[in-house]
Amino acid sequence: MEEPASIRVGRGQRLAEAVKEDLELYAVAELEERIALLREEIARCEAQIGRKKAGRAAADALFGPSSSAS
């Protein structure tokens, strides 16, 4: 029997696993690096939210607000 080529990781699964890590094992410099990476990820997420909101606003301006909110 062949092993699967790759196992697909679910959305957010790696982040969920990362927040469960034992931080006691990290040195101060490693924790500071981790914080910097998390801040970069937050900024990336916020930028994506901004793009999505702008796209939605443009669609609403063109087609009108969604009629699903009855």
Foldseek 3Di string as FASTA:
>chain_A
DDDDPDDDDDPCNVVVVVVPDDCVPDDPVVVVVVVVVVVVVVVVVVVVVVVVVVVQVVCCVVPNDDPPPD
